[in-house]
Amino acid sequence: MRAALSTWGVGDAVLGGVALLGVRPPDCPRDLVAVIVLPRGVLVVVGVDLPDPAMRLEAPLNGQWKIDGWPLTRPDGAMSPAAEALEASTAVARRIQDMRGEPLPVTTVVAVGPYVGQVVQPTVDLNRGVRVLHPKPTTLLTAARELATSDRPCSADHAAKLVAVLAPTGAPPDRRDLIAEGFSDATADLASASTMLLPKIAVAPPTGRKVLPYVGGVVVGVLLIIALIASLSSGNTADSAATTTQPPPQPTTVVVDGRNFLPRGADRTEDCAAHAFGDVRAWLSGHMCMQLRRAQYETAVDGRKVGITIAELSLPDATRAGELHAVASTAGSGGVDSLVHEGKGWSGGPASFDRSVIRVSVKGAQLRITQVVWVEGEPDPSAPKLVEVAEQALRLPAVQG
């Protein structure tokens, strides 16, 4: 599989995306050969080892598999491994849905080996979004083109969340790298769709392609991100100008480095300055801010509850984001009000985020302010355990629905 993906090359083509190799997503019943996250779909690749090489494989989803005319026999009596592959694909789709990931189509690829010259599938099975194939570069590329059929490309931010949901250890690829791999730039889309008098911010095309490192402690092997090929145009999106508050999500879990974070509410608005204070508010009042997203989470350290609040501001370009980063990183310069401060906390959560551990980070045109506090007891902005949680919280999604 790795060889098939690599031989697609690093030049221009019709696909993009990243591949997670040797991964077992949470709640998935088996290890997967790969999960390929494309801008327009997710491919779940399940491996099946045949007893011998075959010239012809008849592979119906419901029925007897035959190798060169001979029935495939298994110790468990099953007529085919298709049911196991579909079970794994269903588990991945359910994981994405439960974690409120981007609703891309999730389809199944059954990669058979050691060698198959021809695979015969009923048309009804092909229409169900399942491909049985020997993973050669051409067969895998054809399957990806046929199966990744979303009406609009997934954004880079949502792609990072998908990667974190499916492989919750390690850090997702950088947003700029994801944009280079064909995922849309939501910030650029907002800039071009705005009715205000703003100059369009053109995203410079990538000058070189590279394999994206994404190493995590998955169950088997090393999780790798392989840069596929990017040649997609971003879709048009436009958010409402009014502040919208998402309803409280059902308790699900985001996992970062093995630690569980429970979502406790989120909102978004285009009036960034109205929810800021101090020098940060003054800066935002004189500069354009595309959007403010806020989210809050809860976790526990040694049985003690911890509250987390995130404020993510989308600026027109990286230069302005850097300017705001310089302001927000200065002690006593203000920041962004938490949802708790505005009376939108959660039962059993912290009373405030005063004297919290604060991390200010910037990626491209986005600036993030992360705050972490003990839910109960005296605040301790220098507590090592809280500092560790703050570093992990930098990778939490600012979108919960």
Protein backbone atom coordinates (compact mmCIF):
# COMPACT_ATOMS: atom_id res chain seq x y z
CA MET A 1 0.00 0.00 0.00
CA ARG A 2 2.77 2.44 0.88
CA ALA A 3 4.48 1.73 -2.41
CA ALA A 4 1.26 2.26 -4.35
CA LEU A 5 0.66 5.63 -2.69
CA SER A 6 4.25 6.74 -3.13
CA THR A 7 4.34 5.97 -6.85
CA TRP A 8 1.59 8.48 -7.48
CA GLY A 9 4.43 10.97 -7.31
CA VAL A 10 4.67 14.50 -6.01
CA GLY A 11 3.66 16.42 -9.11
CA ASP A 12 0.29 17.81 -10.19
CA ALA A 13 -2.69 15.40 -10.42
CA VAL A 14 -6.38 15.32 -9.59
CA LEU A 15 -6.26 14.20 -5.96
CA GLY A 16 -4.81 15.43 -2.70
CA GLY A 17 -4.91 14.46 0.91
CA VAL A 18 -3.05 12.48 3.54
CA ALA A 19 -2.87 8.78 4.37
CA LEU A 20 -2.66 7.24 7.82
CA LEU A 21 -0.84 3.92 7.52
CA GLY A 22 -1.13 1.09 10.01
CA VAL A 23 -3.73 2.83 12.13
CA ARG A 24 -6.52 1.53 14.34
CA PRO A 25 -9.03 4.30 15.05
CA PRO A 26 -10.80 4.25 18.43
CA ASP A 27 -13.68 1.74 18.53
CA CYS A 28 -12.53 0.11 15.28
CA PRO A 29 -12.61 -3.71 15.57
CA ARG A 30 -9.35 -4.29 13.68
CA ASP A 31 -6.12 -2.75 12.48
CA LEU A 32 -6.40 -1.04 9.11
CA VAL A 33 -3.92 -0.99 6.27
CA ALA A 34 -4.66 2.71 5.84
CA VAL A 35 -7.20 5.47 6.20
CA ILE A 36 -6.87 7.89 3.30
CA VAL A 37 -8.33 11.33 4.05
CA LEU A 38 -9.00 13.07 0.74
CA PRO A 39 -10.50 16.51 0.22
CA ARG A 40 -13.72 14.90 -1.04
CA GLY A 41 -13.90 11.62 0.85
CA VAL A 42 -12.43 9.13 3.30
CA LEU A 43 -11.20 5.73 2.11
CA VAL A 44 -10.95 2.92 4.67
CA VAL A 45 -8.45 0.35 3.40
CA VAL A 46 -8.73 -3.15 4.89
CA GLY A 47 -6.16 -5.83 4.06
CA VAL A 48 -6.99 -9.41 3.14
CA ASP A 49 -4.34 -12.10 2.60
CA LEU A 50 -5.32 -14.81 0.13
CA PRO A 51 -3.79 -18.28 0.52
CA ASP A 52 -2.12 -18.06 -2.91
CA PRO A 53 -1.65 -15.65 -5.80
CA ALA A 54 -4.61 -15.62 -8.19
CA MET A 55 -5.27 -14.68 -11.77
CA ARG A 56 -8.98 -14.10 -11.15
CA LEU A 57 -10.85 -13.33 -7.93
CA GLU A 58 -14.65 -13.28 -7.79
CA ALA A 59 -15.46 -11.10 -4.77
CA PRO A 60 -19.17 -10.48 -4.05
CA LEU A 61 -20.04 -8.76 -0.79
CA ASN A 62 -22.80 -11.28 -0.13
CA GLY A 63 -21.75 -14.63 -1.43
CA GLN A 64 -18.87 -17.04 -1.93
CA TRP A 65 -15.48 -15.66 -2.93
CA LYS A 66 -13.74 -17.77 -5.58
CA ILE A 67 -10.08 -17.89 -6.50
CA ASP A 68 -9.56 -19.06 -10.10
CA GLY A 69 -12.91 -20.82 -9.87
CA TRP A 70 -12.24 -22.49 -6.50
CA PRO A 71 -14.20 -21.46 -3.38
CA LEU A 72 -12.21 -19.52 -0.79
CA THR A 73 -12.40 -21.46 2.47
CA ARG A 74 -11.77 -20.02 5.91
CA PRO A 75 -11.39 -21.68 9.30
CA ASP A 76 -14.36 -19.71 10.67
CA GLY A 77 -16.59 -20.92 7.85
CA ALA A 78 -17.21 -17.45 6.40
CA MET A 79 -17.63 -17.35 2.62
CA SER A 80 -15.77 -14.05 2.29
CA PRO A 81 -13.94 -11.41 4.37
CA ALA A 82 -16.20 -8.64 3.08
CA ALA A 83 -18.31 -8.48 6.24
CA GLU A 84 -15.24 -7.73 8.38
CA ALA A 85 -14.16 -4.95 6.01
CA LEU A 86 -17.60 -3.34 6.06
CA GLU A 87 -17.69 -3.57 9.85
CA ALA A 88 -14.41 -1.67 10.07
CA SER A 89 -15.59 0.97 7.61
CA THR A 90 -18.84 1.42 9.53
CA ALA A 91 -16.87 1.88 12.76
CA VAL A 92 -14.78 4.63 11.14
CA ALA A 93 -17.88 6.41 9.82
CA ARG A 94 -19.51 6.18 13.26
CA ARG A 95 -16.37 7.58 14.91
CA ILE A 96 -16.38 10.58 12.56
CA GLN A 97 -20.08 11.17 13.18
CA ASP A 98 -19.83 10.83 16.96
CA MET A 99 -16.90 13.26 17.07
CA ARG A 100 -18.74 15.68 14.78
CA GLY A 101 -16.14 15.47 12.06
CA GLU A 102 -16.64 16.74 8.52
CA PRO A 103 -19.46 14.65 6.95
CA LEU A 104 -17.42 13.31 4.03
CA PRO A 105 -18.46 10.05 2.34
CA VAL A 106 -16.70 7.08 3.97
CA THR A 107 -16.09 4.21 1.55
CA THR A 108 -14.31 0.87 1.67
CA VAL A 109 -11.32 -0.55 -0.18
CA VAL A 110 -10.48 -4.22 0.38
CA ALA A 111 -6.82 -4.62 -0.57
CA VAL A 112 -6.08 -8.26 -1.46
CA GLY A 113 -2.71 -9.95 -1.83
CA PRO A 114 -0.21 -11.33 -2.41
CA TYR A 115 -1.27 -10.90 -6.06
CA VAL A 116 -4.50 -10.82 -8.05
CA GLY A 117 -4.58 -10.28 -11.78
CA GLN A 118 -8.31 -9.54 -12.11
CA VAL A 119 -11.06 -8.83 -9.58
CA VAL A 120 -14.71 -9.36 -10.53
CA GLN A 121 -17.36 -7.53 -8.48
CA PRO A 122 -21.13 -7.30 -9.01
CA THR A 123 -22.31 -3.89 -10.17
CA VAL A 124 -24.57 -3.54 -7.13
CA ASP A 125 -21.53 -3.85 -4.87
CA LEU A 126 -19.64 -1.20 -6.82
CA ASN A 127 -22.60 1.13 -6.41
CA ARG A 128 -22.43 0.62 -2.64
CA GLY A 129 -19.01 2.29 -2.57
CA VAL A 130 -16.86 -0.82 -2.06
CA ARG A 131 -13.82 -1.73 -4.12
CA VAL A 132 -11.92 -5.02 -3.92
CA LEU A 133 -8.53 -4.66 -5.59
CA HIS A 134 -4.88 -5.58 -5.60
CA PRO A 135 -3.24 -2.30 -4.49
CA LYS A 136 -1.38 -1.25 -7.60
CA PRO A 137 -0.91 2.47 -8.27
CA THR A 138 -3.45 2.51 -11.10
CA THR A 139 -6.16 0.49 -9.35
CA LEU A 140 -5.91 2.49 -6.14
CA LEU A 141 -5.94 5.82 -7.99
CA THR A 142 -9.01 4.77 -9.97
CA ALA A 143 -10.80 3.71 -6.81
CA ALA A 144 -9.98 7.00 -5.10
CA ARG A 145 -11.33 8.99 -8.06
CA GLU A 146 -14.55 7.00 -8.12
CA LEU A 147 -15.19 6.97 -4.37
CA ALA A 148 -14.19 10.47 -3.21
CA THR A 149 -17.27 12.29 -4.50
CA SER A 150 -18.26 14.97 -1.99
CA ASP A 151 -19.88 18.04 -3.57
CA ARG A 152 -17.35 20.36 -1.95
CA PRO A 153 -13.80 19.90 -0.68
CA CYS A 154 -13.14 19.55 3.03
CA SER A 155 -11.41 22.54 4.60
CA ALA A 156 -7.91 22.30 6.05
CA ASP A 157 -9.25 22.93 9.56
CA HIS A 158 -11.79 20.14 9.27
CA ALA A 159 -9.16 17.85 7.76
CA ALA A 160 -6.93 18.40 10.80
CA LYS A 161 -9.86 17.51 13.04
CA LEU A 162 -10.55 14.35 11.00
CA VAL A 163 -6.94 13.25 11.37
CA ALA A 164 -7.06 13.90 15.12
CA VAL A 165 -10.33 11.98 15.41
CA LEU A 166 -9.08 8.94 13.49
CA ALA A 167 -5.58 8.85 14.99
CA PRO A 168 -5.78 10.66 18.33
CA THR A 169 -2.09 10.42 19.20
CA GLY A 170 0.46 12.84 17.83
CA ALA A 171 -0.22 16.17 16.12
CA PRO A 172 -2.16 16.72 12.88
CA PRO A 173 -0.28 18.18 9.91
CA ASP A 174 0.15 21.91 9.72
CA ARG A 175 -2.75 23.81 8.19
CA ARG A 176 -0.57 25.19 5.40
CA ASP A 177 0.56 21.68 4.47
CA LEU A 178 -3.05 20.52 4.34
CA ILE A 179 -3.95 23.41 2.05
CA ALA A 180 -1.04 22.40 -0.17
CA GLU A 181 -2.54 18.88 -0.29
CA GLY A 182 -5.82 20.08 -1.76
CA PHE A 183 -7.93 20.90 1.31
CA SER A 184 -9.71 24.23 0.98
CA ASP A 185 -8.60 27.39 2.76
CA ALA A 186 -11.70 28.48 4.69
CA THR A 187 -10.10 31.80 5.61
CA ALA A 188 -9.43 32.65 1.97
CA ASP A 189 -12.98 31.60 1.11
CA LEU A 190 -14.36 33.95 3.75
CA ALA A 191 -12.20 36.79 2.46
CA SER A 192 -13.37 36.33 -1.12
CA ALA A 193 -17.02 35.95 -0.08
CA SER A 194 -17.14 38.96 2.24
CA THR A 195 -19.31 41.87 1.18
CA MET A 196 -17.02 44.33 2.94
CA LEU A 197 -14.39 46.27 1.04
CA LEU A 198 -11.46 43.96 1.57
CA PRO A 199 -8.65 43.07 -0.79
CA LYS A 200 -8.61 39.45 -1.82
CA ILE A 201 -5.81 37.52 -0.23
CA ALA A 202 -4.34 35.13 -2.75
CA VAL A 203 -2.84 31.93 -1.38
CA ALA A 204 0.57 31.38 -2.89
CA PRO A 205 0.84 28.00 -4.66
CA PRO A 206 3.17 25.50 -2.99
CA THR A 207 6.65 25.52 -4.49
CA GLY A 208 7.55 22.06 -3.38
CA ARG A 209 5.89 18.97 -2.07
CA LYS A 210 7.04 16.81 0.77
CA VAL A 211 6.08 13.84 2.83
CA LEU A 212 4.33 15.10 5.95
CA PRO A 213 5.67 13.71 9.21
CA TYR A 214 2.95 12.55 11.58
CA VAL A 215 4.26 10.10 14.08
CA GLY A 216 2.15 8.71 16.87
CA GLY A 217 1.91 5.71 19.15
CA VAL A 218 -0.72 3.70 17.31
CA VAL A 219 -1.30 0.04 18.02
CA VAL A 220 0.85 -1.46 15.29
CA GLY A 221 3.62 0.00 13.22
CA VAL A 222 4.36 3.68 12.84
CA LEU A 223 1.65 6.08 11.77
CA LEU A 224 2.81 7.96 8.71
CA ILE A 225 1.33 10.78 6.77
CA ILE A 226 2.15 10.47 3.08
CA ALA A 227 1.56 13.47 0.90
CA LEU A 228 -0.62 12.38 -2.00
CA ILE A 229 -1.26 14.83 -4.83
CA ALA A 230 -3.07 18.16 -4.76
CA SER A 231 -4.88 19.90 -7.60
CA LEU A 232 -8.23 21.03 -6.25
CA SER A 233 -9.94 24.39 -6.11
CA SER A 234 -11.51 25.50 -2.88
CA GLY A 235 -15.29 25.85 -2.66
CA ASN A 236 -17.17 28.98 -1.73
CA THR A 237 -18.36 29.36 1.83
CA ALA A 238 -19.83 32.27 3.73
CA ASP A 239 -20.85 32.35 7.36
CA SER A 240 -23.60 34.49 8.81
CA ALA A 241 -22.60 37.93 10.05
CA ALA A 242 -24.50 37.45 13.28
CA THR A 243 -23.10 35.73 16.34
CA THR A 244 -24.30 32.13 16.50
CA THR A 245 -24.13 29.89 19.50
CA GLN A 246 -24.09 26.14 19.03
CA PRO A 247 -26.35 24.07 21.25
CA PRO A 248 -24.50 22.13 23.94
CA PRO A 249 -23.09 18.97 22.31
CA GLN A 250 -23.65 15.51 23.66
CA PRO A 251 -20.72 14.34 25.80
CA THR A 252 -18.22 12.91 23.35
CA THR A 253 -14.49 12.65 23.75
CA VAL A 254 -11.55 14.15 21.90
CA VAL A 255 -8.35 12.29 22.65
CA VAL A 256 -4.93 13.98 22.54
CA ASP A 257 -1.84 12.02 23.58
CA GLY A 258 -4.04 9.52 25.38
CA ARG A 259 -5.88 12.15 27.44
CA ASN A 260 -9.68 12.48 27.11
CA PHE A 261 -11.19 15.94 26.65
CA LEU A 262 -14.97 16.35 26.96
CA PRO A 263 -16.50 19.13 24.81
CA ARG A 264 -18.45 21.60 26.95
CA GLY A 265 -19.83 24.06 24.40
CA ALA A 266 -18.68 26.33 21.58
CA ASP A 267 -19.71 29.38 19.58
CA ARG A 268 -18.52 31.57 16.72
CA THR A 269 -18.93 35.18 15.67
CA GLU A 270 -17.52 37.71 13.23
CA ASP A 271 -17.56 40.50 15.82
CA CYS A 272 -14.21 39.61 17.38
CA ALA A 273 -13.57 42.87 19.21
CA ALA A 274 -16.88 42.70 21.11
CA HIS A 275 -15.66 39.62 22.98
CA ALA A 276 -12.11 40.84 23.68
CA PHE A 277 -10.64 43.12 26.36
CA GLY A 278 -7.56 45.24 27.00
CA ASP A 279 -4.96 45.85 24.31
CA VAL A 280 -6.25 42.88 22.32
CA ARG A 281 -9.66 44.56 22.05
CA ALA A 282 -8.04 47.84 21.02
CA TRP A 283 -6.07 46.07 18.28
CA LEU A 284 -9.10 44.19 16.99
CA SER A 285 -11.16 47.38 16.95
CA GLY A 286 -8.75 48.88 14.42
CA HIS A 287 -8.08 45.78 12.29
CA MET A 288 -10.15 43.29 10.34
CA CYS A 289 -10.86 39.95 12.02
CA MET A 290 -12.65 37.38 9.88
CA GLN A 291 -14.04 35.18 12.64
CA LEU A 292 -13.73 34.26 16.31
CA ARG A 293 -14.35 30.67 17.36
CA ARG A 294 -14.50 29.73 21.03
CA ALA A 295 -14.73 26.31 22.61
CA GLN A 296 -14.44 24.86 26.08
CA TYR A 297 -13.45 21.40 27.30
CA GLU A 298 -13.09 19.46 30.50
CA THR A 299 -10.52 16.81 31.41
CA ALA A 300 -9.02 15.34 34.58
CA VAL A 301 -5.50 15.08 35.98
CA ASP A 302 -4.94 12.54 38.75
CA GLY A 303 -8.67 12.59 39.47
CA ARG A 304 -8.83 16.40 39.65
CA LYS A 305 -11.03 18.17 37.08
CA VAL A 306 -9.49 20.72 34.71
CA GLY A 307 -11.27 23.34 32.60
CA ILE A 308 -10.00 24.48 29.19
CA THR A 309 -11.13 27.43 27.08
CA ILE A 310 -9.97 28.13 23.52
CA ALA A 311 -10.30 31.31 21.46
CA GLU A 312 -9.28 31.02 17.81
CA LEU A 313 -9.21 34.20 15.70
CA SER A 314 -9.03 34.09 11.91
CA LEU A 315 -7.22 37.08 10.43
CA PRO A 316 -6.98 38.11 6.77
CA ASP A 317 -3.35 37.01 6.47
CA ALA A 318 -0.34 35.72 8.38
CA THR A 319 1.16 39.20 8.75
CA ARG A 320 -1.80 40.50 10.74
CA ALA A 321 -1.92 37.29 12.75
CA GLY A 322 1.71 37.85 13.69
CA GLU A 323 0.99 41.42 14.74
CA LEU A 324 -1.86 40.31 17.00
CA HIS A 325 0.31 37.51 18.39
CA ALA A 326 2.87 40.10 19.51
CA VAL A 327 0.13 42.01 21.34
CA ALA A 328 -1.63 39.02 22.91
CA SER A 329 1.65 37.43 24.06
CA THR A 330 2.55 40.42 26.20
CA ALA A 331 1.67 39.99 29.88
CA GLY A 332 -1.24 42.16 30.96
CA SER A 333 -2.28 43.03 27.43
CA GLY A 334 -5.75 41.53 27.67
CA GLY A 335 -7.25 38.71 25.68
CA VAL A 336 -10.58 37.18 24.69
CA ASP A 337 -13.45 36.61 27.13
CA SER A 338 -14.24 32.97 27.81
CA LEU A 339 -17.74 31.58 27.43
CA VAL A 340 -17.72 31.07 31.20
CA HIS A 341 -17.14 34.82 31.66
CA GLU A 342 -20.21 35.49 29.52
CA GLY A 343 -22.39 33.17 31.58
CA LYS A 344 -22.17 30.19 29.23
CA GLY A 345 -20.30 27.78 31.47
CA TRP A 346 -21.27 24.20 32.26
CA SER A 347 -22.49 22.39 35.33
CA GLY A 348 -19.52 21.41 37.46
CA GLY A 349 -17.17 23.65 35.49
CA PRO A 350 -14.84 26.42 36.70
CA ALA A 351 -16.25 29.68 38.00
CA SER A 352 -13.73 31.67 35.94
CA PHE A 353 -10.46 31.42 34.02
CA ASP A 354 -8.68 34.05 36.11
CA ARG A 355 -5.04 33.25 36.89
CA SER A 356 -5.02 30.46 34.33
CA VAL A 357 -2.17 28.85 32.41
CA ILE A 358 -2.18 30.73 29.09
CA ARG A 359 -0.72 29.70 25.76
CA VAL A 360 -0.80 32.03 22.73
CA SER A 361 0.06 30.41 19.41
CA VAL A 362 -0.20 31.33 15.76
CA LYS A 363 -0.45 29.21 12.61
CA GLY A 364 -0.71 30.98 9.30
CA ALA A 365 -3.55 33.49 9.54
CA GLN A 366 -5.01 32.02 12.73
CA LEU A 367 -4.19 33.02 16.29
CA ARG A 368 -5.19 30.84 19.24
CA ILE A 369 -5.39 31.71 22.93
CA THR A 370 -5.67 28.68 25.22
CA GLN A 371 -6.37 28.89 28.97
CA VAL A 372 -6.34 26.06 31.52
CA VAL A 373 -7.42 26.10 35.20
CA TRP A 374 -8.25 23.72 38.02
CA VAL A 375 -12.03 23.48 38.30
CA GLU A 376 -11.83 23.50 42.11
CA GLY A 377 -9.27 24.85 44.53
CA GLU A 378 -6.81 27.73 44.28
CA PRO A 379 -5.64 28.74 40.80
CA ASP A 380 -2.02 27.89 40.05
CA PRO A 381 -0.80 29.30 36.71
CA SER A 382 2.58 27.60 37.14
CA ALA A 383 1.36 24.07 37.97
CA PRO A 384 3.35 21.58 35.83
CA LYS A 385 0.30 19.38 35.28
CA LEU A 386 -1.72 22.31 33.97
CA VAL A 387 1.15 23.39 31.73
CA GLU A 388 1.17 19.88 30.23
CA VAL A 389 -2.59 20.02 29.62
CA ALA A 390 -2.22 23.46 28.02
CA GLU A 391 0.32 22.10 25.53
CA GLN A 392 -2.05 19.27 24.61
CA ALA A 393 -5.00 21.65 24.35
CA LEU A 394 -3.22 23.50 21.54
CA ARG A 395 -4.34 20.59 19.33
CA LEU A 396 -7.99 20.57 20.35
CA PRO A 397 -10.47 21.62 17.65
CA ALA A 398 -12.13 25.00 18.10
CA VAL A 399 -15.23 23.57 16.38
CA GLN A 400 -17.48 21.09 18.18
CA GLY A 401 -20.29 20.71 15.73
